Amino acid sequence: AVKFDGTIWMAGAGTSGQLGQGTTLAYSSMVIVGTTNEWTTSIPIGASSNTYFGIKQATGKLWAWGDGANRLIGDGVAVDRSSPVQVATTINDWAAIVPSSTHVLALRANGDVYAWGVNTNGQFGDNTVISKSTPIQIGALGTNFAQLATGTSFSAGVKKDGSLWTWGLNTSGQLGLNVVTQKNSPSQVGLNTDWSKALTGAAFMAGLKKDGTMWTWGANASGQLAQNNIINRSSPVQVSAPAGRTWTDIKISNANLYAIDSAGVLWSAGALLGMPEGTAAASSMVQSSGLSGYQCISFPTAMGSLAQGSFVWAVPAASATPSPTLSPTPSPTPSPSPTVTESPTATPSPSPSESPTPTPSPSASLPLNWFMWGQNTSGQLNTGNTTVVVGPYNNLPLPPNNMVELGAAIAVVKDDNTLWVAGSNTNGALAQNDIINRSSLVQVAGSYSKATYNNLPLITIKTDGTIWGRGVNTSGQLGINTNTNRSSLVQEISGKTDWKFIASGTTTIFAIDTSDRLWVTGGGSSGVQGTNSIIAKSSYTQIGSGTDWAYVSSNTSSTF
C-alpha cells in the first residue's frame, strides 16, 4: 500500500522477499519499505505475483524487490531480492511500468519502450527470443507509444498517433494480424490511427476506437469475442452496439468481455461465471436486466462461479432507470481480409497486466441504487427465497447510505439510520434473538450510522458513536472481553463513543475513532492484526500510536 505521503507499507508472507525488509520472514504488522517519503505516487506502477516496483521521488529511478525467478527484478540476475534494488538502468523519466508473470514492459515519458524478463515468445518486441535480466530498449519500432499492455507472453501498445501495435505469442490470433504466427517485433494492426483503448486477456484482445466502436480478436472458446460463435479470430471484428448507441467503456478478464454503452446499459459476453447474467457462456453481448445509468465496471479479480459468493453493483439512483431490452445491431459477417479494422489502447483489467488507469467511482453526490446477484443460500439477497439470482436484482427498500460487502448475509443502514439485515443467522448474527435465517430484510432495533458483516458476527456503529455486535465470537471479535457468542446486540467493552469506521476480516474486526487512531479485536492468525502478535484479542487494542489512519481493509491472511 502507498500512502499519500509517498511511503510504501506491506505485511504478510515474505517467502520471496516481497515485503522489502531484507528478509524472507512474514510480518504481522505493517512495515515500511525503504525510508519515509521516498516513493512517487504519480506514476502508474503494476505488480506481478510476488515482484514489486517503486520509483523514487528524488531521482526518478526504478527499484524492484521480491521474486526474481523470471528476471523480473531487472538487476542483472535471476534471484529473489528481499530489499529494494535499483533496476539496472540510468533512466529517470518513467511514465508507466506494466509487468506480467513473465516479462515487464516499461514506458518512458518520450514514448520509448523497454523490456526485461522472459522473452521465449518474442514478447519483448526486440526481434529476438533472448531473455534479459536488465532493461533493453526494444528498437526503432518501440517508440512514440502512449499506452502499453502485457498479456500471457504477448504485448500490445497504442502509439501517440492512435495506431495499434502488437507482438509476441500468437497461437490464437491474439495479435490481430490476420495470421497465427509469432511476431518478435511490433507489428501494426491494420492501418487505422483512431484507437483509444486496448486491453489484453489471456489469449484475446478487445479495444475501443475514438468513434465509440468496439473490436475483439483472438481466442473465442467461450464466445468472449461476442460474434455469436466460438470461432477464433486473427483480425479485429466489430462488436455491434445497440442502434443509435456507441460503446463508452470496456473491460476484459481472462475469457470475459464487459462493456457499457452510451445509454449507460451494461452488456457482457463470454464465460459469465459469477457475472450478472448467470453461469452459462454467451457468445454475443447480453444486456443486464434492461437497466441504464451504469458509470463504470468493477468486479473481483478472481472471478468464479456463483457458488463463490454474491456480487454488488452500484448505480446512481438519478440515472438508474429501466431501459428497453435491446439487442445489439447484428454485426456484418466479417470477411477474412488481411486488413480488418482494429482496436484500442491499454487499460487495466483484472487479467494480464495493462497500464494502470483509475476506475471512476459513481458520483458521490447522488444516492445509490444497489443491485445484487449470485449465491443466495441463506436468503441474503432479500428475494424472499433462497434461489440463486442470475441477473442484477434491485430490492432494497430505499437507497442506503451504507451497504457492506455481501457474504452469507447483508446489512443495510438506511438514510433514516435504521439497520436492516437478511440472510444467514448462524449464532444469532442477525440480532433477532433467534438463529432463524431470513430471506427478507428485517429491522434491528436502534439507530445506526454504519454496519459491517463478515459471514460470522455483525458489527455496527450507532449514531452515538458506540460499537455494538452480535453473532460468532469465538476469537473475541465482538470486543466484549469474552469468547461467548451472542444472539442479541452487545456493546464492546471499552464504552468509547467516538468510533467512526469499522471493517471486518475473517475473524478480526478493525475500527477507527474520530482521533484517527486504528484499533483491532479478534483473531490474530497470519499476523492480520498488525500488532506484532498472532494472539487473539477479545477487546479493542490500539495498533501503534499513529493518529493518521483513514481506511483499513482485511481478508483471511492480510490487512491493508
Protein backbone atom coordinates (compact mmCIF):
# COMPACT_ATOMS: atom_id res chain seq x y z
CA ALA A 1 0.00 0.00 0.00
CA VAL A 2 1.23 3.51 -0.82
CA LYS A 3 0.33 6.38 1.47
CA PHE A 4 -0.29 9.86 0.17
CA ASP A 5 2.97 10.94 1.79
CA GLY A 6 4.95 8.67 -0.55
CA THR A 7 5.64 5.81 1.87
CA ILE A 8 5.08 2.15 0.91
CA TRP A 9 3.77 -0.25 3.58
CA MET A 10 3.40 -4.03 3.40
CA ALA A 11 2.52 -7.02 5.61
CA GLY A 12 2.02 -10.77 5.33
CA ALA A 13 4.06 -13.53 3.71
CA GLY A 14 7.66 -12.79 2.71
CA THR A 15 8.77 -16.04 1.10
CA SER A 16 10.41 -14.31 -1.90
CA GLY A 17 11.44 -11.19 -0.03
CA GLN A 18 8.41 -9.37 -1.43
CA LEU A 19 7.95 -7.26 1.71
CA GLY A 20 11.24 -5.47 1.01
CA GLN A 21 12.59 -5.91 4.55
CA GLY A 22 15.86 -7.64 3.81
CA THR A 23 14.45 -10.98 4.91
CA THR A 24 12.05 -13.69 3.79
CA LEU A 25 10.19 -13.63 7.10
CA ALA A 26 6.47 -12.92 7.32
CA TYR A 27 5.46 -9.74 9.14
CA SER A 28 2.39 -9.49 11.32
CA SER A 29 2.40 -5.70 11.42
CA MET A 30 2.62 -3.17 8.61
CA VAL A 31 6.24 -2.39 7.79
CA ILE A 32 7.63 0.44 5.73
CA VAL A 33 9.62 -0.30 2.57
CA GLY A 34 12.77 1.81 2.43
CA THR A 35 12.75 5.22 4.06
CA THR A 36 9.99 7.74 4.66
CA ASN A 37 8.52 9.73 1.77
CA GLU A 38 10.85 8.39 -0.92
CA TRP A 39 8.41 6.82 -3.39
CA THR A 40 6.37 8.65 -6.02
CA THR A 41 2.60 8.14 -6.19
CA SER A 42 2.05 9.89 -9.52
CA ILE A 43 3.16 7.15 -11.96
CA PRO A 44 1.04 4.05 -12.69
CA ILE A 45 3.05 1.05 -11.50
CA GLY A 46 1.85 -2.53 -11.63
CA ALA A 47 2.95 -5.58 -9.65
CA SER A 48 3.37 -9.15 -10.84
CA SER A 49 2.75 -12.01 -8.43
CA ASN A 50 5.45 -11.53 -5.78
CA THR A 51 7.51 -8.89 -7.62
CA TYR A 52 7.04 -5.23 -6.75
CA PHE A 53 8.27 -1.97 -8.22
CA GLY A 54 8.69 1.58 -6.99
CA ILE A 55 10.06 4.86 -8.35
CA LYS A 56 11.92 7.15 -6.01
CA GLN A 57 10.80 10.76 -5.91
CA ALA A 58 14.24 12.30 -5.58
CA THR A 59 15.88 10.58 -8.54
CA GLY A 60 13.08 9.15 -10.69
CA LYS A 61 14.96 5.81 -10.69
CA LEU A 62 13.12 2.49 -10.78
CA TRP A 63 13.56 -0.05 -7.96
CA ALA A 64 12.26 -3.60 -7.55
CA TRP A 65 12.10 -6.35 -4.94
CA GLY A 66 10.64 -9.81 -4.39
CA ASP A 67 10.52 -12.78 -6.74
CA GLY A 68 13.31 -12.74 -9.31
CA ALA A 69 12.81 -16.18 -10.86
CA ASN A 70 11.80 -14.83 -14.29
CA ARG A 71 14.38 -11.99 -14.18
CA LEU A 72 11.59 -9.51 -13.44
CA ILE A 73 13.72 -7.59 -10.91
CA GLY A 74 15.82 -6.23 -13.77
CA ASP A 75 19.09 -6.01 -11.82
CA GLY A 76 21.14 -8.38 -13.97
CA VAL A 77 20.46 -11.67 -12.19
CA ALA A 78 17.57 -14.08 -11.73
CA VAL A 79 17.46 -14.19 -7.94
CA ASP A 80 14.98 -13.01 -5.33
CA ARG A 81 15.60 -9.68 -3.64
CA SER A 82 14.37 -9.09 -0.12
CA SER A 83 15.25 -5.38 -0.17
CA PRO A 84 14.61 -2.86 -2.97
CA VAL A 85 17.41 -2.84 -5.55
CA GLN A 86 17.76 -0.39 -8.39
CA VAL A 87 16.76 -1.72 -11.78
CA ALA A 88 19.92 -1.66 -13.89
CA THR A 89 19.34 1.49 -15.90
CA THR A 90 20.07 5.20 -15.54
CA ILE A 91 16.65 6.21 -16.89
CA ASN A 92 14.77 8.59 -14.61
CA ASP A 93 11.68 9.61 -16.62
CA TRP A 94 9.45 6.53 -16.46
CA ALA A 95 5.79 7.06 -17.37
CA ALA A 96 4.39 3.57 -16.66
CA ILE A 97 5.56 0.13 -15.52
CA VAL A 98 3.47 -2.76 -16.89
CA PRO A 99 4.58 -6.21 -15.64
CA SER A 100 3.19 -9.64 -16.45
CA SER A 101 4.05 -13.02 -14.94
CA THR A 102 6.89 -13.49 -17.44
CA HIS A 103 8.07 -10.08 -18.61
CA VAL A 104 7.97 -6.37 -17.85
CA LEU A 105 7.33 -3.51 -20.25
CA ALA A 106 8.23 0.00 -19.17
CA LEU A 107 7.29 3.24 -20.88
CA ARG A 108 9.40 6.39 -20.81
CA ALA A 109 7.93 9.88 -20.97
CA ASN A 110 9.20 10.23 -24.54
CA GLY A 111 7.26 7.12 -25.63
CA ASP A 112 10.21 4.69 -25.79
CA VAL A 113 9.51 1.11 -24.67
CA TYR A 114 11.89 -1.00 -22.59
CA ALA A 115 11.57 -4.68 -21.68
CA TRP A 116 13.15 -7.36 -19.47
CA GLY A 117 12.37 -10.83 -18.13
CA VAL A 118 11.47 -13.91 -20.17
CA ASN A 119 11.33 -13.48 -23.96
CA THR A 120 10.81 -17.01 -25.29
CA ASN A 121 7.83 -15.93 -27.43
CA GLY A 122 9.18 -12.60 -28.62
CA GLN A 123 7.09 -10.67 -26.11
CA PHE A 124 9.84 -8.03 -25.68
CA GLY A 125 9.43 -6.87 -29.27
CA ASP A 126 13.22 -6.57 -29.85
CA ASN A 127 13.17 -9.02 -32.80
CA THR A 128 14.78 -11.79 -30.71
CA VAL A 129 13.68 -14.54 -28.33
CA ILE A 130 16.55 -13.92 -25.94
CA SER A 131 15.55 -13.31 -22.32
CA LYS A 132 17.17 -10.40 -20.49
CA SER A 133 17.76 -9.66 -16.83
CA THR A 134 18.23 -5.91 -17.39
CA PRO A 135 16.07 -3.44 -19.35
CA ILE A 136 16.68 -3.09 -23.07
CA GLN A 137 15.12 -0.64 -25.50
CA ILE A 138 13.13 -2.74 -27.91
CA GLY A 139 14.25 -0.94 -31.05
CA ALA A 140 13.15 1.57 -33.65
CA LEU A 141 9.56 0.30 -33.69
CA GLY A 142 9.29 0.69 -29.92
CA THR A 143 8.99 4.46 -29.90
CA ASN A 144 6.24 7.08 -29.59
CA PHE A 145 3.93 4.85 -27.50
CA ALA A 146 1.20 6.31 -25.30
CA GLN A 147 -0.04 3.11 -23.61
CA LEU A 148 1.16 -0.45 -23.12
CA ALA A 149 -0.45 -3.76 -22.19
CA THR A 150 1.03 -7.16 -21.36
CA GLY A 151 -0.85 -10.42 -21.85
CA THR A 152 0.22 -14.02 -21.43
CA SER A 153 3.53 -13.96 -23.37
CA PHE A 154 2.33 -11.23 -25.73
CA SER A 155 2.34 -7.45 -25.67
CA ALA A 156 0.43 -4.56 -27.17
CA GLY A 157 0.50 -0.80 -27.26
CA VAL A 158 -1.13 2.25 -28.76
CA LYS A 159 1.13 4.94 -30.14
CA LYS A 160 0.58 8.65 -29.72
CA ASP A 161 -0.72 8.81 -33.30
CA GLY A 162 -3.55 6.37 -32.45
CA SER A 163 -2.06 3.36 -34.23
CA LEU A 164 -2.21 -0.08 -32.58
CA TRP A 165 0.79 -2.42 -32.42
CA THR A 166 1.11 -6.00 -31.09
CA TRP A 167 3.88 -8.59 -30.72
CA GLY A 168 4.74 -11.94 -29.10
CA LEU A 169 2.79 -15.21 -28.81
CA ASN A 170 0.03 -15.53 -31.40
CA THR A 171 -1.31 -19.10 -31.32
CA SER A 172 -4.94 -17.91 -31.14
CA GLY A 173 -4.58 -14.89 -33.39
CA GLN A 174 -4.45 -12.59 -30.37
CA LEU A 175 -2.12 -10.17 -32.16
CA GLY A 176 -4.88 -9.25 -34.63
CA LEU A 177 -2.60 -9.51 -37.67
CA ASN A 178 -4.71 -11.99 -39.68
CA VAL A 179 -2.13 -14.73 -39.04
CA VAL A 180 -1.29 -17.02 -36.12
CA THR A 181 2.46 -16.59 -36.49
CA GLN A 182 4.55 -15.37 -33.57
CA LYS A 183 5.91 -11.85 -34.03
CA ASN A 184 9.18 -10.86 -32.37
CA SER A 185 8.86 -7.14 -33.06
CA PRO A 186 5.90 -4.74 -33.01
CA SER A 187 3.57 -5.10 -35.99
CA GLN A 188 0.84 -2.60 -36.78
CA VAL A 189 -2.72 -3.89 -36.66
CA GLY A 190 -4.21 -2.61 -39.89
CA LEU A 191 -3.67 0.97 -40.95
CA ASN A 192 -6.11 2.80 -38.70
CA THR A 193 -4.94 5.55 -36.35
CA ASP A 194 -8.09 6.03 -34.30
CA TRP A 195 -7.60 3.61 -31.39
CA SER A 196 -8.39 4.97 -27.91
CA LYS A 197 -8.07 1.88 -25.69
CA ALA A 198 -6.69 -1.66 -25.98
CA LEU A 199 -6.91 -4.45 -23.42
CA THR A 200 -5.29 -7.87 -23.16
CA GLY A 201 -6.94 -11.03 -21.88
CA ALA A 202 -5.44 -14.49 -21.50
CA ALA A 203 -5.25 -15.07 -25.29
CA PHE A 204 -7.53 -12.42 -26.77
CA MET A 205 -7.80 -8.66 -27.01
CA ALA A 206 -10.50 -6.03 -27.16
CA GLY A 207 -10.42 -2.36 -27.85
CA LEU A 208 -12.30 0.88 -28.41
CA LYS A 209 -11.88 3.31 -31.24
CA LYS A 210 -12.34 7.03 -30.93
CA ASP A 211 -15.71 6.77 -32.71
CA GLY A 212 -17.05 4.52 -29.91
CA THR A 213 -16.87 1.25 -31.85
CA MET A 214 -15.62 -1.89 -30.09
CA TRP A 215 -13.46 -4.59 -31.67
CA THR A 216 -12.31 -8.03 -30.49
CA TRP A 217 -9.92 -10.74 -31.73
CA GLY A 218 -8.03 -13.84 -30.61
CA ALA A 219 -9.24 -16.86 -28.63
CA ASN A 220 -13.00 -17.36 -28.55
CA ALA A 221 -13.67 -20.72 -26.89
CA SER A 222 -16.19 -19.13 -24.51
CA GLY A 223 -17.67 -16.71 -27.02
CA GLN A 224 -15.77 -13.80 -25.48
CA LEU A 225 -15.38 -12.08 -28.85
CA ALA A 226 -19.18 -11.50 -28.91
CA GLN A 227 -19.59 -12.72 -32.52
CA ASN A 228 -22.37 -15.23 -31.81
CA ASN A 229 -19.99 -18.14 -32.32
CA ILE A 230 -16.90 -19.69 -30.73
CA ILE A 231 -14.55 -19.29 -33.68
CA ASN A 232 -11.16 -17.71 -33.01
CA ARG A 233 -10.42 -14.54 -34.98
CA SER A 234 -6.97 -13.44 -36.08
CA SER A 235 -8.12 -9.96 -37.15
CA PRO A 236 -10.27 -7.44 -35.28
CA VAL A 237 -14.01 -7.92 -35.73
CA GLN A 238 -16.56 -5.33 -34.73
CA VAL A 239 -18.92 -5.87 -31.81
CA SER A 240 -22.11 -4.08 -32.77
CA ALA A 241 -23.70 -1.67 -30.33
CA PRO A 242 -27.48 -1.21 -29.95
CA ALA A 243 -28.98 1.01 -32.64
CA GLY A 244 -28.12 4.66 -32.14
CA ARG A 245 -25.56 3.99 -29.41
CA THR A 246 -21.81 3.64 -29.07
CA TRP A 247 -19.58 1.88 -26.53
CA THR A 248 -18.12 4.08 -23.78
CA ASP A 249 -16.16 1.68 -21.57
CA ILE A 250 -14.90 -1.90 -21.80
CA LYS A 251 -13.13 -4.38 -19.52
CA ILE A 252 -11.92 -7.92 -20.10
CA SER A 253 -10.92 -10.64 -17.69
CA ASN A 254 -9.40 -13.89 -18.96
CA ALA A 255 -12.30 -15.14 -21.13
CA ASN A 256 -14.90 -12.45 -20.38
CA LEU A 257 -15.88 -9.22 -22.12
CA TYR A 258 -17.84 -6.41 -20.46
CA ALA A 259 -18.99 -3.10 -21.91
CA ILE A 260 -21.16 -0.07 -21.15
CA ASP A 261 -22.97 1.67 -23.98
CA SER A 262 -23.69 5.39 -24.38
CA ALA A 263 -27.07 4.99 -22.64
CA GLY A 264 -25.33 3.56 -19.58
CA VAL A 265 -26.54 -0.01 -20.23
CA LEU A 266 -24.28 -2.85 -19.13
CA TRP A 267 -23.54 -5.74 -21.52
CA SER A 268 -21.40 -8.86 -21.20
CA ALA A 269 -20.23 -11.88 -23.21
CA GLY A 270 -18.03 -14.93 -22.77
CA ALA A 271 -17.62 -17.21 -19.76
CA LEU A 272 -20.03 -15.40 -17.49
CA LEU A 273 -19.33 -17.33 -14.31
CA GLY A 274 -20.16 -15.13 -11.36
CA MET A 275 -21.43 -12.32 -13.55
CA PRO A 276 -24.87 -10.71 -13.85
CA GLU A 277 -26.33 -13.00 -16.47
CA GLY A 278 -25.60 -16.33 -14.82
CA THR A 279 -23.24 -19.21 -15.27
CA ALA A 280 -23.68 -20.14 -18.94
CA ALA A 281 -21.27 -18.83 -21.56
CA ALA A 282 -22.73 -16.34 -24.05
CA SER A 283 -21.21 -15.73 -27.47
CA SER A 284 -22.99 -12.44 -28.11
CA MET A 285 -23.46 -9.37 -25.95
CA VAL A 286 -26.17 -9.91 -23.34
CA GLN A 287 -27.94 -6.95 -21.76
CA SER A 288 -28.03 -6.77 -17.97
CA SER A 289 -31.66 -6.59 -16.97
CA GLY A 290 -32.59 -3.55 -19.05
CA LEU A 291 -31.09 -1.06 -16.60
CA SER A 292 -29.29 2.11 -17.58
CA GLY A 293 -27.13 4.54 -15.63
CA TYR A 294 -24.02 2.41 -15.24
CA GLN A 295 -20.91 4.56 -14.94
CA CYS A 296 -18.11 2.04 -14.51
CA ILE A 297 -17.34 -1.66 -14.47
CA SER A 298 -15.80 -3.34 -11.44
CA PHE A 299 -15.54 -6.93 -10.29
CA PRO A 300 -13.43 -9.25 -8.13
CA THR A 301 -10.06 -10.12 -9.62
CA ALA A 302 -10.60 -13.83 -9.04
CA MET A 303 -13.99 -14.29 -10.62
CA GLY A 304 -15.58 -17.68 -10.50
CA SER A 305 -18.90 -19.41 -10.31
CA LEU A 306 -21.92 -18.16 -8.44
CA ALA A 307 -21.05 -20.60 -5.68
CA GLN A 308 -18.14 -18.34 -4.74
CA GLY A 309 -20.41 -15.65 -3.36
CA SER A 310 -22.72 -12.77 -4.10
CA PHE A 311 -21.96 -9.62 -6.05
CA VAL A 312 -22.98 -5.97 -5.79
CA TRP A 313 -23.22 -3.24 -8.41
CA ALA A 314 -23.89 0.42 -7.60
CA VAL A 315 -25.78 2.73 -9.94
CA PRO A 316 -26.54 6.42 -9.27
CA ALA A 317 -30.26 6.49 -8.46
CA ALA A 318 -30.91 9.57 -10.59
CA SER A 319 -29.92 7.70 -13.73
CA ALA A 320 -30.72 4.09 -12.86
CA THR A 321 -33.88 3.97 -14.91
CA PRO A 322 -35.25 0.97 -16.74
CA SER A 323 -34.27 0.94 -20.38
CA PRO A 324 -35.94 -1.11 -23.09
CA THR A 325 -34.41 -4.52 -23.64
CA LEU A 326 -32.44 -4.30 -26.84
CA SER A 327 -30.18 -6.45 -28.89
CA PRO A 328 -27.02 -5.10 -30.41
CA THR A 329 -27.43 -4.46 -34.11
CA PRO A 330 -26.29 -7.63 -35.84
CA SER A 331 -22.65 -7.48 -36.84
CA PRO A 332 -21.97 -7.82 -40.51
CA THR A 333 -20.37 -11.17 -41.25
CA PRO A 334 -16.66 -10.42 -41.16
CA SER A 335 -14.68 -11.22 -44.26
CA PRO A 336 -11.21 -12.56 -43.59
CA SER A 337 -9.28 -9.79 -45.20
CA PRO A 338 -5.67 -9.13 -44.32
CA THR A 339 -6.53 -5.69 -43.03
CA VAL A 340 -9.55 -5.61 -40.84
CA THR A 341 -10.39 -2.69 -38.62
CA GLU A 342 -8.62 -2.75 -35.37
CA SER A 343 -8.53 -1.96 -31.72
CA PRO A 344 -7.63 0.36 -28.89
CA THR A 345 -5.21 1.06 -26.14
CA ALA A 346 -4.17 -0.46 -22.91
CA THR A 347 -6.46 -0.06 -19.94
CA PRO A 348 -6.14 -2.09 -16.77
CA SER A 349 -8.25 -5.12 -16.19
CA PRO A 350 -8.03 -7.88 -13.66
CA SER A 351 -6.43 -10.19 -16.19
CA PRO A 352 -2.89 -10.00 -17.59
CA SER A 353 -1.37 -6.63 -16.86
CA GLU A 354 -2.03 -3.37 -18.57
CA SER A 355 -1.15 0.26 -17.99
CA PRO A 356 -3.00 1.03 -14.74
CA THR A 357 -5.84 3.51 -15.15
CA PRO A 358 -8.05 4.53 -12.22
CA THR A 359 -11.65 3.34 -12.48
CA PRO A 360 -14.11 6.18 -11.85
CA SER A 361 -16.47 5.83 -8.95
CA PRO A 362 -20.16 6.62 -9.15
CA SER A 363 -20.83 10.20 -8.25
CA ALA A 364 -20.75 10.70 -4.51
CA SER A 365 -23.37 13.44 -4.82
CA LEU A 366 -26.08 11.02 -5.95
CA PRO A 367 -27.88 8.45 -3.82
CA LEU A 368 -27.13 4.92 -4.97
CA ASN A 369 -29.38 2.11 -6.06
CA TRP A 370 -27.84 -1.27 -5.26
CA PHE A 371 -28.14 -4.32 -7.50
CA MET A 372 -27.33 -7.80 -6.24
CA TRP A 373 -26.96 -11.24 -7.74
CA GLY A 374 -25.28 -14.59 -7.16
CA GLN A 375 -25.41 -17.10 -4.35
CA ASN A 376 -28.49 -16.81 -2.17
CA THR A 377 -28.32 -19.92 0.01
CA SER A 378 -29.42 -18.08 3.15
CA GLY A 379 -31.73 -15.55 1.50
CA GLN A 380 -29.12 -12.80 1.74
CA LEU A 381 -30.27 -11.12 -1.49
CA ASN A 382 -33.61 -10.12 0.06
CA THR A 383 -35.64 -12.08 -2.51
CA GLY A 384 -37.98 -13.83 -0.08
CA ASN A 385 -36.46 -17.19 -1.06
CA THR A 386 -33.08 -18.91 -1.39
CA THR A 387 -32.93 -19.19 -5.18
CA VAL A 388 -29.74 -18.18 -6.99
CA VAL A 389 -30.16 -14.79 -8.70
CA VAL A 390 -28.58 -14.63 -12.16
CA GLY A 391 -29.30 -11.04 -13.12
CA PRO A 392 -28.93 -7.71 -11.28
CA TYR A 393 -31.76 -7.58 -8.74
CA ASN A 394 -32.79 -4.37 -7.00
CA ASN A 395 -34.99 -4.96 -3.98
CA LEU A 396 -33.71 -2.70 -1.23
CA PRO A 397 -36.46 -0.53 0.23
CA LEU A 398 -34.59 2.76 -0.10
CA PRO A 399 -31.19 3.82 -1.46
CA PRO A 400 -28.91 3.05 1.50
CA ASN A 401 -26.22 5.41 2.74
CA ASN A 402 -24.09 2.44 3.76
CA MET A 403 -24.10 -1.11 2.47
CA VAL A 404 -21.45 -3.65 3.36
CA GLU A 405 -19.88 -6.46 1.41
CA LEU A 406 -22.13 -9.44 0.83
CA GLY A 407 -21.35 -12.86 2.15
CA ALA A 408 -23.93 -15.15 3.67
CA ALA A 409 -25.87 -12.12 4.92
CA ILE A 410 -26.49 -8.47 4.12
CA ALA A 411 -26.65 -5.42 6.36
CA VAL A 412 -28.08 -2.09 5.19
CA VAL A 413 -28.16 1.23 7.02
CA LYS A 414 -30.89 3.38 5.53
CA ASP A 415 -30.97 7.17 5.31
CA ASP A 416 -33.09 7.31 8.46
CA ASN A 417 -30.32 5.43 10.36
CA THR A 418 -32.37 2.27 10.73
CA LEU A 419 -30.48 -1.02 10.32
CA TRP A 420 -31.89 -3.90 8.25
CA VAL A 421 -30.46 -7.39 7.84
CA ALA A 422 -31.17 -10.61 5.95
CA GLY A 423 -29.52 -13.95 5.25
CA SER A 424 -27.63 -16.37 7.46
CA ASN A 425 -28.37 -16.12 11.17
CA THR A 426 -25.76 -18.57 12.42
CA ASN A 427 -25.20 -17.95 16.11
CA GLY A 428 -27.73 -15.11 16.05
CA ALA A 429 -25.79 -12.73 13.79
CA LEU A 430 -28.99 -11.01 12.62
CA ALA A 431 -29.78 -9.86 16.18
CA GLN A 432 -33.34 -11.17 16.15
CA ASN A 433 -32.94 -13.17 19.38
CA ASP A 434 -33.11 -16.42 17.44
CA ILE A 435 -30.99 -18.37 14.93
CA ILE A 436 -33.52 -18.47 12.07
CA ASN A 437 -32.29 -17.35 8.64
CA ARG A 438 -34.19 -14.50 6.98
CA SER A 439 -34.78 -14.22 3.22
CA SER A 440 -36.29 -10.73 3.50
CA LEU A 441 -34.89 -7.73 5.32
CA VAL A 442 -35.81 -7.39 8.99
CA GLN A 443 -35.13 -4.36 11.17
CA VAL A 444 -32.69 -4.32 14.08
CA ALA A 445 -33.79 -2.07 16.92
CA GLY A 446 -31.76 1.11 17.36
CA SER A 447 -30.24 3.97 15.38
CA TYR A 448 -27.08 3.28 13.37
CA SER A 449 -24.57 5.02 11.13
CA LYS A 450 -22.51 2.07 9.84
CA ALA A 451 -22.52 -1.72 9.77
CA THR A 452 -20.18 -4.47 8.63
CA TYR A 453 -20.76 -8.21 8.24
CA ASN A 454 -18.12 -10.85 7.53
CA ASN A 455 -20.22 -14.03 7.48
CA LEU A 456 -19.85 -14.52 11.24
CA PRO A 457 -20.54 -11.53 13.53
CA LEU A 458 -22.41 -8.38 12.56
CA ILE A 459 -20.71 -5.23 13.88
CA THR A 460 -22.35 -1.80 13.90
CA ILE A 461 -21.66 1.80 14.88
CA LYS A 462 -24.65 3.54 16.40
CA THR A 463 -25.34 7.21 15.83
CA ASP A 464 -24.00 7.94 19.32
CA GLY A 465 -20.56 6.65 18.25
CA THR A 466 -20.68 3.36 20.14
CA ILE A 467 -19.86 -0.06 18.63
CA TRP A 468 -22.28 -2.96 19.07
CA GLY A 469 -22.09 -6.51 17.76
CA ARG A 470 -23.67 -9.95 17.83
CA GLY A 471 -23.08 -13.41 16.42
CA VAL A 472 -19.98 -15.60 16.44
CA ASN A 473 -17.38 -14.51 18.98
CA THR A 474 -15.02 -17.50 19.15
CA SER A 475 -11.97 -15.29 18.53
CA GLY A 476 -13.15 -12.36 20.64
CA GLN A 477 -14.25 -10.36 17.61
CA LEU A 478 -17.16 -8.73 19.45
CA GLY A 479 -14.68 -6.94 21.71
CA ILE A 480 -16.54 -7.82 24.91
CA ASN A 481 -13.61 -9.45 26.75
CA THR A 482 -15.05 -12.96 26.38
CA ASN A 483 -15.34 -15.55 23.60
CA THR A 484 -19.05 -16.20 24.14
CA ASN A 485 -21.35 -15.99 21.09
CA ARG A 486 -24.22 -13.51 21.34
CA SER A 487 -27.61 -13.56 19.59
CA SER A 488 -28.54 -10.02 20.59
CA LEU A 489 -26.56 -6.80 20.37
CA VAL A 490 -23.88 -6.15 22.97
CA GLN A 491 -21.68 -3.09 23.29
CA GLU A 492 -17.90 -3.52 23.04
CA ILE A 493 -16.36 -3.33 26.49
CA SER A 494 -14.44 -0.02 26.35
CA GLY A 495 -17.60 2.08 26.14
CA LYS A 496 -15.94 4.52 23.72
CA THR A 497 -18.32 6.91 21.97
CA ASP A 498 -16.03 8.23 19.24
CA TRP A 499 -15.96 5.36 16.72
CA LYS A 500 -16.37 6.40 13.06
CA PHE A 501 -15.28 3.47 10.85
CA ILE A 502 -15.35 -0.33 11.07
CA ALA A 503 -14.15 -3.14 8.81
CA SER A 504 -14.30 -6.93 9.08
CA GLY A 505 -11.71 -9.57 8.35
CA THR A 506 -12.48 -13.26 8.62
CA THR A 507 -12.21 -13.39 12.43
CA THR A 508 -10.86 -9.90 13.06
CA ILE A 509 -12.61 -6.54 13.43
CA PHE A 510 -10.89 -3.18 12.85
CA ALA A 511 -12.15 0.25 13.90
CA ILE A 512 -11.00 3.85 13.53
CA ASP A 513 -12.02 6.52 16.02
CA THR A 514 -12.53 10.25 15.49
CA SER A 515 -8.91 10.87 16.53
CA ASP A 516 -7.89 8.74 13.51
CA ARG A 517 -6.44 6.00 15.71
CA LEU A 518 -6.66 2.39 14.49
CA TRP A 519 -7.93 -0.40 16.77
CA VAL A 520 -8.39 -4.17 16.43
CA THR A 521 -10.06 -7.08 18.20
CA GLY A 522 -10.43 -10.78 17.37
CA GLY A 523 -8.23 -13.36 15.67
CA GLY A 524 -4.52 -12.90 15.06
CA SER A 525 -3.57 -15.74 12.69
CA SER A 526 -1.07 -14.84 9.94
CA GLY A 527 -0.39 -11.56 11.75
CA VAL A 528 -3.51 -9.88 10.34
CA GLN A 529 -3.95 -7.72 13.46
CA GLY A 530 -0.89 -5.62 12.73
CA THR A 531 0.02 -5.64 16.44
CA ASN A 532 3.21 -7.66 16.07
CA SER A 533 1.36 -10.60 17.60
CA ILE A 534 -0.64 -13.59 16.43
CA ILE A 535 -2.55 -13.91 19.71
CA ALA A 536 -6.31 -13.35 19.54
CA LYS A 537 -7.70 -10.36 21.43
CA SER A 538 -11.16 -10.11 22.96
CA SER A 539 -11.23 -6.34 23.42
CA TYR A 540 -10.18 -3.46 21.18
CA THR A 541 -6.42 -2.80 21.20
CA GLN A 542 -4.80 0.21 19.55
CA ILE A 543 -2.44 -0.57 16.69
CA GLY A 544 0.68 1.53 17.20
CA SER A 545 0.40 5.17 18.14
CA GLY A 546 -0.50 6.70 14.79
CA THR A 547 -3.24 9.31 14.51
CA ASP A 548 -3.48 9.48 10.71
CA TRP A 549 -5.46 6.37 9.77
CA ALA A 550 -8.18 6.91 7.16
CA TYR A 551 -9.15 3.42 5.98
CA VAL A 552 -8.47 -0.26 6.64
CA SER A 553 -9.40 -3.46 4.79
CA SER A 554 -8.68 -7.07 5.75
CA ASN A 555 -9.14 -10.61 4.45
CA THR A 556 -8.17 -14.08 5.68
CA SER A 557 -4.41 -13.55 5.77
CA SER A 558 -3.52 -9.91 5.18
CA THR A 559 -4.51 -6.35 6.07
CA PHE A 560 -4.13 -3.05 4.23
